[in-house]
């Protein structure tokens, strides 16, 4: 929710400050969100971490797709599809929570992956 709803605002930041700064701050925000999740002892703590990480990931995602569309104006659909597929490939390896497990939400946390660094390298 926070990742997608804030992309128009993050796009404004890209126009004003440039893609490099937005991707840098987005990557740092993702890292802070993951650190919050690593120390979360409640579901609210986990939600906070996901909000912080989601805001950062949205900035990185919006910047990468926007740049791909600028680079390939005659093949916009292909550029958006390849960029989106490349960015979200990391989520296909995440394991979900097992509601019957006594650890609950802690298993829903995705393993640390390189997907954000992959996103940053695309811009």
PDB file of N, CA and C in Angstrom:
ATOM      1  N   UNK A   1       0.818  -1.172   0.000  1.00  0.00           N
ATOM      2  CA  UNK A   1       0.000   0.000   0.000  1.00  0.00           C
ATOM      3  C   UNK A   1       0.881   1.262   0.000  1.00  0.00           C
ATOM      4  N   UNK A   2       1.811   1.358   0.925  1.00  0.00           N
ATOM      5  CA  UNK A   2       2.668   2.541   0.984  1.00  0.00           C
ATOM      6  C   UNK A   2       3.639   2.572  -0.190  1.00  0.00           C
ATOM      7  N   UNK A   3       3.950   1.408  -0.702  1.00  0.00           N
ATOM      8  CA  UNK A   3       4.879   1.360  -1.823  1.00  0.00           C
ATOM      9  C   UNK A   3       4.253   1.939  -3.081  1.00  0.00           C
ATOM     10  N   UNK A   4       3.017   1.604  -3.344  1.00  0.00           N
ATOM     11  CA  UNK A   4       2.399   2.035  -4.600  1.00  0.00           C
ATOM     12  C   UNK A   4       1.722   3.390  -4.505  1.00  0.00           C
ATOM     13  N   UNK A   5       1.105   3.707  -3.401  1.00  0.00           N
ATOM     14  CA  UNK A   5       0.360   4.956  -3.300  1.00  0.00           C
ATOM     15  C   UNK A   5       1.273   6.179  -3.306  1.00  0.00           C
ATOM     16  N   UNK A   6       2.498   6.031  -2.874  1.00  0.00           N
ATOM     17  CA  UNK A   6       3.397   7.175  -2.785  1.00  0.00           C
ATOM     18  C   UNK A   6       4.272   7.359  -4.022  1.00  0.00           C
ATOM     19  N   UNK A   7       4.154   6.486  -5.016  1.00  0.00           N
ATOM     20  CA  UNK A   7       4.998   6.599  -6.209  1.00  0.00           C
ATOM     21  C   UNK A   7       4.810   7.937  -6.926  1.00  0.00           C
ATOM     22  N   UNK A   8       3.600   8.491  -7.044  1.00  0.00           N
ATOM     23  CA  UNK A   8       3.511   9.819  -7.688  1.00  0.00           C
ATOM     24  C   UNK A   8       4.306  10.897  -6.945  1.00  0.00           C
ATOM     25  N   UNK A   9       4.286  10.860  -5.623  1.00  0.00           N
ATOM     26  CA  UNK A   9       5.069  11.831  -4.841  1.00  0.00           C
ATOM     27  C   UNK A   9       6.554  11.581  -5.040  1.00  0.00           C
ATOM     28  N   UNK A  10       6.934  10.310  -5.025  1.00  0.00           N
ATOM     29  CA  UNK A  10       8.339   9.973  -5.233  1.00  0.00           C
ATOM     30  C   UNK A  10       8.781  10.357  -6.650  1.00  0.00           C
ATOM     31  N   UNK A  11       7.869  10.271  -7.621  1.00  0.00           N
ATOM     32  CA  UNK A  11       8.176  10.727  -8.976  1.00  0.00           C
ATOM     33  C   UNK A  11       8.449  12.222  -9.027  1.00  0.00           C
ATOM     34  N   UNK A  12       7.720  12.982  -8.215  1.00  0.00           N
ATOM     35  CA  UNK A  12       7.986  14.415  -8.126  1.00  0.00           C
ATOM     36  C   UNK A  12       9.388  14.666  -7.587  1.00  0.00           C
ATOM     37  N   UNK A  13       9.794  13.861  -6.576  1.00  0.00           N
ATOM     38  CA  UNK A  13      11.148  13.986  -6.039  1.00  0.00           C
ATOM     39  C   UNK A  13      12.199  13.648  -7.097  1.00  0.00           C
ATOM     40  N   UNK A  14      11.909  12.665  -7.948  1.00  0.00           N
ATOM     41  CA  UNK A  14      12.844  12.319  -9.031  1.00  0.00           C
ATOM     42  C   UNK A  14      13.008  13.504  -9.972  1.00  0.00           C
ATOM     43  N   UNK A  15      11.905  14.150 -10.322  1.00  0.00           N
ATOM     44  CA  UNK A  15      11.987  15.313 -11.220  1.00  0.00           C
ATOM     45  C   UNK A  15      12.740  16.468 -10.572  1.00  0.00           C
ATOM     46  N   UNK A  16      12.582  16.640  -9.277  1.00  0.00           N
ATOM     47  CA  UNK A  16      13.196  17.780  -8.597  1.00  0.00           C
ATOM     48  C   UNK A  16      14.656  17.526  -8.224  1.00  0.00           C
ATOM     49  N   UNK A  17      14.968  16.316  -7.715  1.00  0.00           N
ATOM     50  CA  UNK A  17      16.312  16.039  -7.180  1.00  0.00           C
ATOM     51  C   UNK A  17      17.123  15.041  -7.995  1.00  0.00           C
ATOM     52  N   UNK A  18      16.508  14.362  -8.939  1.00  0.00           N
ATOM     53  CA  UNK A  18      17.225  13.401  -9.771  1.00  0.00           C
ATOM     54  C   UNK A  18      17.063  11.977  -9.270  1.00  0.00           C
ATOM     55  N   UNK A  19      17.212  11.009 -10.178  1.00  0.00           N
ATOM     56  CA  UNK A  19      16.986   9.610  -9.814  1.00  0.00           C
ATOM     57  C   UNK A  19      18.016   9.044  -8.847  1.00  0.00           C
ATOM     58  N   UNK A  20      19.240   9.495  -8.925  1.00  0.00           N
ATOM     59  CA  UNK A  20      20.288   8.923  -8.073  1.00  0.00           C
ATOM     60  C   UNK A  20      19.984   9.117  -6.592  1.00  0.00           C
ATOM     61  N   UNK A  21      19.577  10.310  -6.222  1.00  0.00           N
ATOM     62  CA  UNK A  21      19.282  10.609  -4.821  1.00  0.00           C
ATOM     63  C   UNK A  21      18.050   9.846  -4.331  1.00  0.00           C
ATOM     64  N   UNK A  22      17.029   9.761  -5.182  1.00  0.00           N
ATOM     65  CA  UNK A  22      15.805   9.056  -4.784  1.00  0.00           C
ATOM     66  C   UNK A  22      16.081   7.568  -4.595  1.00  0.00           C
ATOM     67  N   UNK A  23      16.853   6.966  -5.483  1.00  0.00           N
ATOM     68  CA  UNK A  23      17.187   5.545  -5.349  1.00  0.00           C
ATOM     69  C   UNK A  23      18.075   5.323  -4.116  1.00  0.00           C
ATOM     70  N   UNK A  24      19.003   6.226  -3.868  1.00  0.00           N
ATOM     71  CA  UNK A  24      19.858   6.098  -2.680  1.00  0.00           C
ATOM     72  C   UNK A  24      19.034   6.150  -1.403  1.00  0.00           C
ATOM     73  N   UNK A  25      18.164   7.137  -1.299  1.00  0.00           N
ATOM     74  CA  UNK A  25      17.332   7.260  -0.100  1.00  0.00           C
ATOM     75  C   UNK A  25      16.357   6.082  -0.006  1.00  0.00           C
ATOM     76  N   UNK A  26      15.830   5.637  -1.141  1.00  0.00           N
ATOM     77  CA  UNK A  26      14.943   4.472  -1.139  1.00  0.00           C
ATOM     78  C   UNK A  26      15.638   3.210  -0.663  1.00  0.00           C
ATOM     79  N   UNK A  27      16.870   2.998  -1.104  1.00  0.00           N
ATOM     80  CA  UNK A  27      17.631   1.829  -0.655  1.00  0.00           C
ATOM     81  C   UNK A  27      17.942   1.885   0.826  1.00  0.00           C
ATOM     82  N   UNK A  28      18.287   3.064   1.306  1.00  0.00           N
ATOM     83  CA  UNK A  28      18.551   3.225   2.738  1.00  0.00           C
ATOM     84  C   UNK A  28      17.271   2.982   3.538  1.00  0.00           C
ATOM     85  N   UNK A  29      16.156   3.492   3.032  1.00  0.00           N
ATOM     86  CA  UNK A  29      14.873   3.293   3.706  1.00  0.00           C
ATOM     87  C   UNK A  29      14.509   1.806   3.770  1.00  0.00           C
ATOM     88  N   UNK A  30      14.775   1.081   2.690  1.00  0.00           N
ATOM     89  CA  UNK A  30      14.523  -0.368   2.708  1.00  0.00           C
ATOM     90  C   UNK A  30      15.385  -1.050   3.762  1.00  0.00           C
ATOM     91  N   UNK A  31      16.642  -0.674   3.823  1.00  0.00           N
ATOM     92  CA  UNK A  31      17.529  -1.269   4.818  1.00  0.00           C
ATOM     93  C   UNK A  31      17.083  -0.981   6.240  1.00  0.00           C
ATOM     94  N   UNK A  32      16.632   0.255   6.484  1.00  0.00           N
ATOM     95  CA  UNK A  32      16.138   0.603   7.823  1.00  0.00           C
ATOM     96  C   UNK A  32      14.880  -0.202   8.131  1.00  0.00           C
ATOM     97  N   UNK A  33      13.994  -0.332   7.160  1.00  0.00           N
ATOM     98  CA  UNK A  33      12.784  -1.133   7.360  1.00  0.00           C
ATOM     99  C   UNK A  33      13.100  -2.584   7.669  1.00  0.00           C
ATOM    100  N   UNK A  34      14.080  -3.140   6.971  1.00  0.00           N
ATOM    101  CA  UNK A  34      14.466  -4.524   7.243  1.00  0.00           C
ATOM    102  C   UNK A  34      15.084  -4.660   8.630  1.00  0.00           C
ATOM    103  N   UNK A  35      15.861  -3.658   9.039  1.00  0.00           N
ATOM    104  CA  UNK A  35      16.440  -3.691  10.385  1.00  0.00           C
ATOM    105  C   UNK A  35      15.343  -3.628  11.445  1.00  0.00           C
ATOM    106  N   UNK A  36      14.322  -2.811  11.204  1.00  0.00           N
ATOM    107  CA  UNK A  36      13.191  -2.759  12.130  1.00  0.00           C
ATOM    108  C   UNK A  36      12.511  -4.123  12.191  1.00  0.00           C
ATOM    109  N   UNK A  37      12.325  -4.753  11.037  1.00  0.00           N
ATOM    110  CA  UNK A  37      11.705  -6.083  11.017  1.00  0.00           C
ATOM    111  C   UNK A  37      12.543  -7.123  11.746  1.00  0.00           C
ATOM    112  N   UNK A  38      13.851  -7.005  11.631  1.00  0.00           N
ATOM    113  CA  UNK A  38      14.725  -7.982  12.291  1.00  0.00           C
ATOM    114  C   UNK A  38      14.595  -7.919  13.807  1.00  0.00           C
ATOM    115  N   UNK A  39      14.257  -6.746  14.316  1.00  0.00           N
ATOM    116  CA  UNK A  39      14.135  -6.576  15.772  1.00  0.00           C
ATOM    117  C   UNK A  39      12.689  -6.532  16.237  1.00  0.00           C
ATOM    118  N   UNK A  40      11.745  -6.710  15.349  1.00  0.00           N
ATOM    119  CA  UNK A  40      10.329  -6.603  15.707  1.00  0.00           C
ATOM    120  C   UNK A  40       9.940  -7.718  16.680  1.00  0.00           C
ATOM    121  N   UNK A  41       9.253  -7.325  17.730  1.00  0.00           N
ATOM    122  CA  UNK A  41       8.762  -8.307  18.705  1.00  0.00           C
ATOM    123  C   UNK A  41       7.239  -8.369  18.712  1.00  0.00           C
ATOM    124  N   UNK A  42       6.618  -7.542  17.893  1.00  0.00           N
ATOM    125  CA  UNK A  42       5.159  -7.546  17.806  1.00  0.00           C
ATOM    126  C   UNK A  42       4.754  -7.345  16.358  1.00  0.00           C
ATOM    127  N   UNK A  43       3.498  -7.592  16.113  1.00  0.00           N
ATOM    128  CA  UNK A  43       2.988  -7.405  14.758  1.00  0.00           C
ATOM    129  C   UNK A  43       3.027  -5.927  14.356  1.00  0.00           C
ATOM    130  N   UNK A  44       2.775  -5.021  15.312  1.00  0.00           N
ATOM    131  CA  UNK A  44       2.848  -3.590  15.004  1.00  0.00           C
ATOM    132  C   UNK A  44       4.269  -3.170  14.627  1.00  0.00           C
ATOM    133  N   UNK A  45       5.261  -3.724  15.283  1.00  0.00           N
ATOM    134  CA  UNK A  45       6.651  -3.450  14.924  1.00  0.00           C
ATOM    135  C   UNK A  45       6.971  -3.938  13.524  1.00  0.00           C
ATOM    136  N   UNK A  46       6.438  -5.094  13.190  1.00  0.00           N
ATOM    137  CA  UNK A  46       6.623  -5.645  11.850  1.00  0.00           C
ATOM    138  C   UNK A  46       5.960  -4.746  10.808  1.00  0.00           C
ATOM    139  N   UNK A  47       4.750  -4.284  11.103  1.00  0.00           N
ATOM    140  CA  UNK A  47       4.064  -3.380  10.179  1.00  0.00           C
ATOM    141  C   UNK A  47       4.857  -2.093   9.974  1.00  0.00           C
ATOM    142  N   UNK A  48       5.406  -1.549  11.044  1.00  0.00           N
ATOM    143  CA  UNK A  48       6.213  -0.338  10.927  1.00  0.00           C
ATOM    144  C   UNK A  48       7.402  -0.568   9.998  1.00  0.00           C
ATOM    145  N   UNK A  49       8.085  -1.685  10.177  1.00  0.00           N
ATOM    146  CA  UNK A  49       9.216  -2.002   9.311  1.00  0.00           C
ATOM    147  C   UNK A  49       8.807  -2.142   7.858  1.00  0.00           C
ATOM    148  N   UNK A  50       7.667  -2.757   7.616  1.00  0.00           N
ATOM    149  CA  UNK A  50       7.207  -2.933   6.244  1.00  0.00           C
ATOM    150  C   UNK A  50       6.770  -1.606   5.617  1.00  0.00           C
ATOM    151  N   UNK A  51       6.229  -0.703   6.426  1.00  0.00           N
ATOM    152  CA  UNK A  51       5.867   0.621   5.907  1.00  0.00           C
ATOM    153  C   UNK A  51       7.125   1.378   5.488  1.00  0.00           C
ATOM    154  N   UNK A  52       8.130   1.379   6.347  1.00  0.00           N
ATOM    155  CA  UNK A  52       9.378   2.094   6.039  1.00  0.00           C
ATOM    156  C   UNK A  52      10.044   1.478   4.808  1.00  0.00           C
ATOM    157  N   UNK A  53      10.122   0.151   4.769  1.00  0.00           N
ATOM    158  CA  UNK A  53      10.734  -0.522   3.619  1.00  0.00           C
ATOM    159  C   UNK A  53       9.903  -0.322   2.357  1.00  0.00           C
ATOM    160  N   UNK A  54       8.584  -0.323   2.480  1.00  0.00           N
ATOM    161  CA  UNK A  54       7.715  -0.143   1.324  1.00  0.00           C
ATOM    162  C   UNK A  54       7.847   1.238   0.700  1.00  0.00           C
ATOM    163  N   UNK A  55       7.975   2.255   1.535  1.00  0.00           N
ATOM    164  CA  UNK A  55       8.165   3.608   1.012  1.00  0.00           C
ATOM    165  C   UNK A  55       9.464   3.674   0.204  1.00  0.00           C
ATOM    166  N   UNK A  56      10.518   3.072   0.733  1.00  0.00           N
ATOM    167  CA  UNK A  56      11.793   3.065   0.014  1.00  0.00           C
ATOM    168  C   UNK A  56      11.731   2.263  -1.270  1.00  0.00           C
ATOM    169  N   UNK A  57      11.109   1.092  -1.208  1.00  0.00           N
ATOM    170  CA  UNK A  57      11.021   0.249  -2.407  1.00  0.00           C
ATOM    171  C   UNK A  57      10.185   0.917  -3.481  1.00  0.00           C
ATOM    172  N   UNK A  58       9.148   1.648  -3.083  1.00  0.00           N
ATOM    173  CA  UNK A  58       8.337   2.364  -4.070  1.00  0.00           C
ATOM    174  C   UNK A  58       9.132   3.438  -4.789  1.00  0.00           C
ATOM    175  N   UNK A  59       9.992   4.129  -4.045  1.00  0.00           N
ATOM    176  CA  UNK A  59      10.832   5.142  -4.669  1.00  0.00           C
ATOM    177  C   UNK A  59      11.787   4.543  -5.671  1.00  0.00           C
ATOM    178  N   UNK A  60      12.359   3.403  -5.317  1.00  0.00           N
ATOM    179  CA  UNK A  60      13.287   2.737  -6.230  1.00  0.00           C
ATOM    180  C   UNK A  60      12.536   2.203  -7.447  1.00  0.00           C
ATOM    181  N   UNK A  61      11.390   1.572  -7.202  1.00  0.00           N
ATOM    182  CA  UNK A  61      10.614   0.989  -8.297  1.00  0.00           C
ATOM    183  C   UNK A  61      10.136   2.067  -9.268  1.00  0.00           C
ATOM    184  N   UNK A  62       9.530   3.114  -8.740  1.00  0.00           N
ATOM    185  CA  UNK A  62       9.029   4.183  -9.608  1.00  0.00           C
ATOM    186  C   UNK A  62      10.125   4.833 -10.420  1.00  0.00           C
ATOM    187  N   UNK A  63      11.276   5.023  -9.812  1.00  0.00           N
ATOM    188  CA  UNK A  63      12.406   5.623 -10.514  1.00  0.00           C
ATOM    189  C   UNK A  63      12.897   4.727 -11.638  1.00  0.00           C
ATOM    190  N   UNK A  64      13.011   3.449 -11.364  1.00  0.00           N
ATOM    191  CA  UNK A  64      13.510   2.519 -12.386  1.00  0.00           C
ATOM    192  C   UNK A  64      12.552   2.395 -13.563  1.00  0.00           C
ATOM    193  N   UNK A  65      11.259   2.284 -13.285  1.00  0.00           N
ATOM    194  CA  UNK A  65      10.296   2.181 -14.381  1.00  0.00           C
ATOM    195  C   UNK A  65      10.260   3.485 -15.180  1.00  0.00           C
ATOM    196  N   UNK A  66      10.279   4.620 -14.480  1.00  0.00           N
ATOM    197  CA  UNK A  66      10.287   5.911 -15.182  1.00  0.00           C
ATOM    198  C   UNK A  66      11.485   6.063 -16.095  1.00  0.00           C
ATOM    199  N   UNK A  67      12.650   5.652 -15.614  1.00  0.00           N
ATOM    200  CA  UNK A  67      13.849   5.739 -16.450  1.00  0.00           C
ATOM    201  C   UNK A  67      13.771   4.793 -17.637  1.00  0.00           C
ATOM    202  N   UNK A  68      13.260   3.594 -17.419  1.00  0.00           N
ATOM    203  CA  UNK A  68      13.143   2.645 -18.531  1.00  0.00           C
ATOM    204  C   UNK A  68      12.215   3.179 -19.608  1.00  0.00           C
ATOM    205  N   UNK A  69      11.131   3.828 -19.206  1.00  0.00           N
ATOM    206  CA  UNK A  69      10.202   4.387 -20.192  1.00  0.00           C
ATOM    207  C   UNK A  69      10.820   5.553 -20.953  1.00  0.00           C
ATOM    208  N   UNK A  70      11.689   6.318 -20.305  1.00  0.00           N
ATOM    209  CA  UNK A  70      12.380   7.409 -20.998  1.00  0.00           C
ATOM    210  C   UNK A  70      13.428   6.870 -21.967  1.00  0.00           C
ATOM    211  N   UNK A  71      14.093   5.786 -21.574  1.00  0.00           N
ATOM    212  CA  UNK A  71      15.143   5.232 -22.421  1.00  0.00           C
ATOM    213  C   UNK A  71      14.595   4.571 -23.676  1.00  0.00           C
ATOM    214  N   UNK A  72      13.406   3.973 -23.583  1.00  0.00           N
ATOM    215  CA  UNK A  72      12.826   3.239 -24.705  1.00  0.00           C
ATOM    216  C   UNK A  72      11.419   3.759 -25.002  1.00  0.00           C
ATOM    217  N   UNK A  73      11.295   4.977 -25.521  1.00  0.00           N
ATOM    218  CA  UNK A  73       9.956   5.555 -25.732  1.00  0.00           C
ATOM    219  C   UNK A  73       9.126   4.820 -26.782  1.00  0.00           C
ATOM    220  N   UNK A  74       9.764   4.140 -27.707  1.00  0.00           N
ATOM    221  CA  UNK A  74       9.020   3.432 -28.734  1.00  0.00           C
ATOM    222  C   UNK A  74       8.625   2.016 -28.310  1.00  0.00           C
ATOM    223  N   UNK A  75       9.151   1.534 -27.207  1.00  0.00           N
ATOM    224  CA  UNK A  75       8.821   0.198 -26.696  1.00  0.00           C
ATOM    225  C   UNK A  75       8.474   0.285 -25.208  1.00  0.00           C
ATOM    226  N   UNK A  76       7.505   1.124 -24.895  1.00  0.00           N
ATOM    227  CA  UNK A  76       7.171   1.405 -23.500  1.00  0.00           C
ATOM    228  C   UNK A  76       6.655   0.174 -22.764  1.00  0.00           C
ATOM    229  N   UNK A  77       5.800  -0.598 -23.394  1.00  0.00           N
ATOM    230  CA  UNK A  77       5.252  -1.790 -22.743  1.00  0.00           C
ATOM    231  C   UNK A  77       6.330  -2.811 -22.426  1.00  0.00           C
ATOM    232  N   UNK A  78       7.212  -3.050 -23.377  1.00  0.00           N
ATOM    233  CA  UNK A  78       8.305  -3.987 -23.162  1.00  0.00           C
ATOM    234  C   UNK A  78       9.241  -3.488 -22.063  1.00  0.00           C
ATOM    235  N   UNK A  79       9.568  -2.199 -22.099  1.00  0.00           N
ATOM    236  CA  UNK A  79      10.471  -1.628 -21.086  1.00  0.00           C
ATOM    237  C   UNK A  79       9.873  -1.741 -19.693  1.00  0.00           C
ATOM    238  N   UNK A  80       8.586  -1.416 -19.557  1.00  0.00           N
ATOM    239  CA  UNK A  80       7.940  -1.510 -18.242  1.00  0.00           C
ATOM    240  C   UNK A  80       7.846  -2.957 -17.786  1.00  0.00           C
ATOM    241  N   UNK A  81       7.545  -3.861 -18.685  1.00  0.00           N
ATOM    242  CA  UNK A  81       7.426  -5.274 -18.330  1.00  0.00           C
ATOM    243  C   UNK A  81       8.745  -5.888 -17.894  1.00  0.00           C
ATOM    244  N   UNK A  82       9.801  -5.616 -18.630  1.00  0.00           N
ATOM    245  CA  UNK A  82      11.112  -6.165 -18.263  1.00  0.00           C
ATOM    246  C   UNK A  82      11.597  -5.561 -16.958  1.00  0.00           C
ATOM    247  N   UNK A  83      11.397  -4.258 -16.787  1.00  0.00           N
ATOM    248  CA  UNK A  83      11.837  -3.607 -15.551  1.00  0.00           C
ATOM    249  C   UNK A  83      11.052  -4.136 -14.355  1.00  0.00           C
ATOM    250  N   UNK A  84       9.743  -4.220 -14.494  1.00  0.00           N
ATOM    251  CA  UNK A  84       8.925  -4.749 -13.399  1.00  0.00           C
ATOM    252  C   UNK A  84       9.262  -6.192 -13.080  1.00  0.00           C
ATOM    253  N   UNK A  85       9.444  -7.006 -14.105  1.00  0.00           N
ATOM    254  CA  UNK A  85       9.805  -8.406 -13.877  1.00  0.00           C
ATOM    255  C   UNK A  85      11.158  -8.554 -13.217  1.00  0.00           C
ATOM    256  N   UNK A  86      12.108  -7.729 -13.620  1.00  0.00           N
ATOM    257  CA  UNK A  86      13.437  -7.791 -13.016  1.00  0.00           C
ATOM    258  C   UNK A  86      13.436  -7.340 -11.571  1.00  0.00           C
ATOM    259  N   UNK A  87      12.665  -6.310 -11.296  1.00  0.00           N
ATOM    260  CA  UNK A  87      12.626  -5.795  -9.931  1.00  0.00           C
ATOM    261  C   UNK A  87      11.937  -6.782  -8.989  1.00  0.00           C
ATOM    262  N   UNK A  88      10.851  -7.346  -9.416  1.00  0.00           N
ATOM    263  CA  UNK A  88      10.059  -8.180  -8.498  1.00  0.00           C
ATOM    264  C   UNK A  88      10.455  -9.649  -8.503  1.00  0.00           C
ATOM    265  N   UNK A  89      11.490 -10.012  -9.200  1.00  0.00           N
ATOM    266  CA  UNK A  89      11.882 -11.423  -9.205  1.00  0.00           C
ATOM    267  C   UNK A  89      12.308 -11.907  -7.830  1.00  0.00           C
ATOM    268  N   UNK A  90      12.798 -11.012  -6.998  1.00  0.00           N
ATOM    269  CA  UNK A  90      13.215 -11.406  -5.655  1.00  0.00           C
ATOM    270  C   UNK A  90      12.065 -11.862  -4.791  1.00  0.00           C
ATOM    271  N   UNK A  91      10.874 -11.354  -5.061  1.00  0.00           N
ATOM    272  CA  UNK A  91       9.728 -11.736  -4.237  1.00  0.00           C
ATOM    273  C   UNK A  91       9.253 -13.149  -4.519  1.00  0.00           C
ATOM    274  N   UNK A  92       9.608 -13.707  -5.652  1.00  0.00           N
ATOM    275  CA  UNK A  92       9.149 -15.057  -5.965  1.00  0.00           C
ATOM    276  C   UNK A  92       9.845 -16.110  -5.114  1.00  0.00           C
ATOM    277  N   UNK A  93      10.938 -15.742  -4.481  1.00  0.00           N
ATOM    278  CA  UNK A  93      11.654 -16.711  -3.652  1.00  0.00           C
ATOM    279  C   UNK A  93      11.325 -16.577  -2.170  1.00  0.00           C
ATOM    280  N   UNK A  94      10.477 -15.621  -1.807  1.00  0.00           N
ATOM    281  CA  UNK A  94      10.153 -15.417  -0.397  1.00  0.00           C
ATOM    282  C   UNK A  94       9.201 -16.493   0.105  1.00  0.00           C
ATOM    283  N   UNK A  95       9.388 -16.871   1.340  1.00  0.00           N
ATOM    284  CA  UNK A  95       8.477 -17.838   1.938  1.00  0.00           C
ATOM    285  C   UNK A  95       7.449 -17.093   2.769  1.00  0.00           C
ATOM    286  N   UNK A  96       6.257 -17.580   2.797  1.00  0.00           N
ATOM    287  CA  UNK A  96       5.186 -16.933   3.545  1.00  0.00           C
ATOM    288  C   UNK A  96       5.056 -17.505   4.939  1.00  0.00           C
ATOM    289  N   UNK A  97       4.159 -16.928   5.701  1.00  0.00           N
ATOM    290  CA  UNK A  97       3.923 -17.381   7.069  1.00  0.00           C
ATOM    291  C   UNK A  97       3.025 -18.609   7.060  1.00  0.00           C
ATOM    292  N   UNK A  98       3.273 -19.514   7.968  1.00  0.00           N
ATOM    293  CA  UNK A  98       2.420 -20.666   8.179  1.00  0.00           C
ATOM    294  C   UNK A  98       1.523 -20.348   9.374  1.00  0.00           C
ATOM    295  N   UNK A  99       0.214 -20.205   9.149  1.00  0.00           N
ATOM    296  CA  UNK A  99      -0.655 -19.799  10.257  1.00  0.00           C
ATOM    297  C   UNK A  99      -0.716 -20.821  11.385  1.00  0.00           C
ATOM    298  N   UNK A 100      -0.327 -22.064  11.121  1.00  0.00           N
ATOM    299  CA  UNK A 100      -0.345 -23.087  12.169  1.00  0.00           C
ATOM    300  C   UNK A 100       0.940 -23.124  12.979  1.00  0.00           C
ATOM    301  N   UNK A 101       1.932 -22.343  12.575  1.00  0.00           N
ATOM    302  CA  UNK A 101       3.209 -22.339  13.273  1.00  0.00           C
ATOM    303  C   UNK A 101       3.135 -21.413  14.480  1.00  0.00           C
ATOM    304  N   UNK A 102       3.802 -21.773  15.546  1.00  0.00           N
ATOM    305  CA  UNK A 102       3.746 -20.964  16.764  1.00  0.00           C
ATOM    306  C   UNK A 102       4.561 -19.671  16.651  1.00  0.00           C
ATOM    307  N   UNK A 103       5.392 -19.524  15.616  1.00  0.00           N
ATOM    308  CA  UNK A 103       6.177 -18.300  15.472  1.00  0.00           C
ATOM    309  C   UNK A 103       5.391 -17.199  14.771  1.00  0.00           C
ATOM    310  N   UNK A 104       4.275 -17.530  14.168  1.00  0.00           N
ATOM    311  CA  UNK A 104       3.381 -16.536  13.598  1.00  0.00           C
ATOM    312  C   UNK A 104       4.014 -15.647  12.556  1.00  0.00           C
ATOM    313  N   UNK A 105       3.936 -14.341  12.779  1.00  0.00           N
ATOM    314  CA  UNK A 105       4.351 -13.373  11.765  1.00  0.00           C
ATOM    315  C   UNK A 105       5.839 -13.403  11.494  1.00  0.00           C
ATOM    316  N   UNK A 106       6.659 -13.919  12.398  1.00  0.00           N
ATOM    317  CA  UNK A 106       8.111 -13.888  12.199  1.00  0.00           C
ATOM    318  C   UNK A 106       8.519 -14.688  10.972  1.00  0.00           C
ATOM    319  N   UNK A 107       7.754 -15.714  10.608  1.00  0.00           N
ATOM    320  CA  UNK A 107       8.081 -16.474   9.399  1.00  0.00           C
ATOM    321  C   UNK A 107       7.644 -15.763   8.126  1.00  0.00           C
ATOM    322  N   UNK A 108       6.816 -14.729   8.267  1.00  0.00           N
ATOM    323  CA  UNK A 108       6.374 -14.000   7.074  1.00  0.00           C
ATOM    324  C   UNK A 108       7.458 -13.063   6.565  1.00  0.00           C
ATOM    325  N   UNK A 109       8.455 -12.798   7.386  1.00  0.00           N
ATOM    326  CA  UNK A 109       9.520 -11.883   7.000  1.00  0.00           C
ATOM    327  C   UNK A 109      10.313 -12.490   5.851  1.00  0.00           C
ATOM    328  N   UNK A 110      10.472 -11.760   4.750  1.00  0.00           N
ATOM    329  CA  UNK A 110      11.232 -12.317   3.645  1.00  0.00           C
ATOM    330  C   UNK A 110      12.713 -12.430   3.991  1.00  0.00           C
ATOM    331  N   UNK A 111      13.379 -13.426   3.448  1.00  0.00           N
ATOM    332  CA  UNK A 111      14.817 -13.514   3.695  1.00  0.00           C
ATOM    333  C   UNK A 111      15.536 -12.342   3.048  1.00  0.00           C
ATOM    334  N   UNK A 112      16.661 -11.980   3.606  1.00  0.00           N
ATOM    335  CA  UNK A 112      17.448 -10.879   3.044  1.00  0.00           C
ATOM    336  C   UNK A 112      17.874 -11.267   1.646  1.00  0.00           C
ATOM    337  N   UNK A 113      17.552 -10.428   0.696  1.00  0.00           N
ATOM    338  CA  UNK A 113      17.910 -10.738  -0.688  1.00  0.00           C
ATOM    339  C   UNK A 113      18.578  -9.539  -1.322  1.00  0.00           C
ATOM    340  N   UNK A 114      18.982  -9.707  -2.540  1.00  0.00           N
ATOM    341  CA  UNK A 114      19.665  -8.627  -3.247  1.00  0.00           C
ATOM    342  C   UNK A 114      18.705  -7.824  -4.103  1.00  0.00           C
ATOM    343  N   UNK A 115      17.397  -8.006  -3.910  1.00  0.00           N
ATOM    344  CA  UNK A 115      16.461  -7.362  -4.826  1.00  0.00           C
ATOM    345  C   UNK A 115      16.558  -5.841  -4.794  1.00  0.00           C
ATOM    346  N   UNK A 116      16.814  -5.233  -3.634  1.00  0.00           N
ATOM    347  CA  UNK A 116      16.915  -3.778  -3.598  1.00  0.00           C
ATOM    348  C   UNK A 116      18.199  -3.316  -4.272  1.00  0.00           C
ATOM    349  N   UNK A 117      19.289  -4.048  -4.069  1.00  0.00           N
ATOM    350  CA  UNK A 117      20.511  -3.659  -4.769  1.00  0.00           C
ATOM    351  C   UNK A 117      20.357  -3.872  -6.264  1.00  0.00           C
ATOM    352  N   UNK A 118      19.579  -4.883  -6.660  1.00  0.00           N
ATOM    353  CA  UNK A 118      19.290  -5.051  -8.085  1.00  0.00           C
ATOM    354  C   UNK A 118      18.500  -3.860  -8.607  1.00  0.00           C
ATOM    355  N   UNK A 119      17.522  -3.395  -7.812  1.00  0.00           N
ATOM    356  CA  UNK A 119      16.735  -2.236  -8.225  1.00  0.00           C
ATOM    357  C   UNK A 119      17.627  -1.010  -8.369  1.00  0.00           C
ATOM    358  N   UNK A 120      18.514  -0.823  -7.412  1.00  0.00           N
ATOM    359  CA  UNK A 120      19.377   0.357  -7.443  1.00  0.00           C
ATOM    360  C   UNK A 120      20.308   0.325  -8.653  1.00  0.00           C
ATOM    361  N   UNK A 121      20.736  -0.853  -9.056  1.00  0.00           N
ATOM    362  CA  UNK A 121      21.654  -0.929 -10.188  1.00  0.00           C
ATOM    363  C   UNK A 121      20.942  -0.670 -11.514  1.00  0.00           C
ATOM    364  N   UNK A 122      19.616  -0.790 -11.544  1.00  0.00           N
ATOM    365  CA  UNK A 122      18.879  -0.549 -12.782  1.00  0.00           C
ATOM    366  C   UNK A 122      18.746   0.929 -13.109  1.00  0.00           C
ATOM    367  N   UNK A 123      18.885   1.783 -12.115  1.00  0.00           N
ATOM    368  CA  UNK A 123      18.650   3.206 -12.394  1.00  0.00           C
ATOM    369  C   UNK A 123      19.919   3.944 -12.723  1.00  0.00           C
TER     370      UNK A 123
END
